[in-house]
Protein backbone atom coordinates (compact mmCIF):
# COMPACT_ATOMS: atom_id res chain seq x y z
CA MET A 1 4.61 -129.76 -3.54
CA SER A 2 5.91 -132.89 -1.92
CA GLN A 3 9.37 -134.20 -2.51
CA GLN A 4 10.60 -137.68 -1.66
CA TRP A 5 13.36 -137.77 0.96
CA THR A 6 16.31 -140.07 0.35
CA PRO A 7 18.18 -141.06 3.57
CA PRO A 8 21.92 -140.52 3.52
CA PRO A 9 24.14 -143.55 2.93
CA PRO A 10 25.50 -145.52 5.85
CA PRO A 11 28.76 -144.23 7.24
CA GLY A 12 30.81 -147.16 5.88
CA ALA A 13 29.38 -146.99 2.33
CA ALA A 14 31.46 -145.57 -0.51
CA PRO A 15 30.12 -142.23 -1.76
CA ALA A 16 28.57 -142.33 -5.25
CA THR A 17 30.51 -140.66 -7.98
CA VAL A 18 28.33 -138.26 -10.06
CA PRO A 19 30.20 -136.08 -12.62
CA ASN A 20 29.69 -132.39 -11.95
CA TYR A 21 30.74 -131.07 -15.46
CA LEU A 22 32.28 -128.03 -13.89
CA VAL A 23 35.07 -127.71 -16.43
CA PRO A 24 32.79 -127.61 -19.52
CA ALA A 25 30.53 -125.15 -17.62
CA ILE A 26 33.44 -122.80 -17.03
CA LEU A 27 34.71 -123.14 -20.61
CA SER A 28 31.20 -122.30 -21.93
CA VAL A 29 31.66 -118.88 -20.36
CA PHE A 30 33.75 -117.93 -23.41
CA CYS A 31 30.98 -119.04 -25.79
CA CYS A 32 27.61 -118.01 -24.34
CA TRP A 33 27.76 -116.61 -20.90
CA PRO A 34 24.06 -116.53 -20.00
CA LEU A 35 23.81 -120.32 -20.40
CA ALA A 36 27.25 -120.75 -18.80
CA ILE A 37 26.07 -119.06 -15.59
CA VAL A 38 23.16 -121.51 -15.28
CA ALA A 39 25.50 -124.45 -16.09
CA ILE A 40 27.94 -123.30 -13.32
CA ILE A 41 25.18 -123.03 -10.80
CA PHE A 42 24.03 -126.58 -11.43
CA ALA A 43 27.59 -127.95 -11.58
CA ALA A 44 28.30 -126.35 -8.22
CA GLN A 45 25.27 -128.06 -6.66
CA VAL A 46 26.31 -131.64 -7.55
CA ASN A 47 28.96 -132.17 -4.89
CA GLY A 48 26.90 -130.78 -2.10
CA LYS A 49 23.96 -132.96 -2.98
CA VAL A 50 26.15 -136.07 -3.16
CA ALA A 51 27.53 -135.23 0.32
CA ALA A 52 24.03 -134.75 1.64
CA GLY A 53 23.08 -138.16 0.25
CA ASP A 54 20.72 -136.84 -2.41
CA ILE A 55 22.03 -138.89 -5.28
CA GLN A 56 18.95 -138.48 -7.45
CA GLY A 57 19.10 -134.71 -7.06
CA ALA A 58 22.87 -134.73 -7.77
CA MET A 59 22.28 -136.78 -10.98
CA ASP A 60 19.58 -134.35 -12.07
CA ALA A 61 21.83 -131.28 -11.38
CA SER A 62 24.66 -133.07 -13.23
CA LYS A 63 22.44 -133.73 -16.26
CA LYS A 64 21.32 -130.10 -16.28
CA ALA A 65 24.89 -128.79 -15.94
CA LYS A 66 25.96 -130.99 -18.89
CA MET A 67 22.98 -129.85 -21.02
CA PHE A 68 23.43 -126.12 -20.39
CA SER A 69 27.21 -126.16 -20.84
CA PHE A 70 27.06 -128.10 -24.09
CA ILE A 71 24.24 -125.96 -25.48
CA GLY A 72 26.23 -122.84 -24.53
CA ILE A 73 29.29 -124.20 -26.30
CA GLY A 74 27.20 -125.08 -29.32
CA VAL A 75 25.47 -121.71 -29.53
CA GLY A 76 28.82 -119.92 -29.12
CA GLY A 77 30.41 -122.07 -31.85
CA ALA A 78 27.57 -121.44 -34.17
CA PHE A 79 27.87 -117.66 -33.63
CA ILE A 80 31.60 -117.81 -34.24
CA LEU A 81 31.06 -119.78 -37.43
CA ILE A 82 28.44 -117.40 -38.69
CA TYR A 83 30.81 -114.48 -37.91
CA ILE A 84 33.66 -116.04 -39.91
CA ILE A 85 31.39 -116.85 -42.84
CA PHE A 86 30.06 -113.27 -42.74
CA TRP A 87 33.62 -111.83 -42.92
CA VAL A 88 34.65 -114.20 -45.75
CA ILE A 89 31.69 -113.13 -47.76
CA ILE A 90 32.30 -109.40 -47.06
CA GLY A 91 36.02 -109.87 -47.93
CA GLY A 92 35.18 -111.71 -51.13
CA MET A 93 32.76 -109.00 -52.20
CA SER A 94 35.37 -106.30 -51.56
CA ALA A 95 37.99 -108.16 -53.54
CA ILE A 96 35.52 -108.45 -56.45
CA ASN A 97 34.66 -104.77 -56.37
CA SER A 98 38.32 -103.56 -56.31
């Protein structure tokens, strides 16, 4: 497996800004923690890759962190919504029966 090497930027160049999506990754822990762990790992890799000059790798890790954190938030939100609907239906059925 060969990987293309990107040389680090010159010392006077401004570092590229790549969002790391660490905050959404941490917030997704409360929704779906298996996906949140993966999101946190990718989010933590972004700044190190930018510092090493691997901008393409940092952008890839940033995209994956965003994807996993938002999927985790969506899955958690869906489960919470299903849970609420379930209890509303159970509560309605118990009110009808009593």
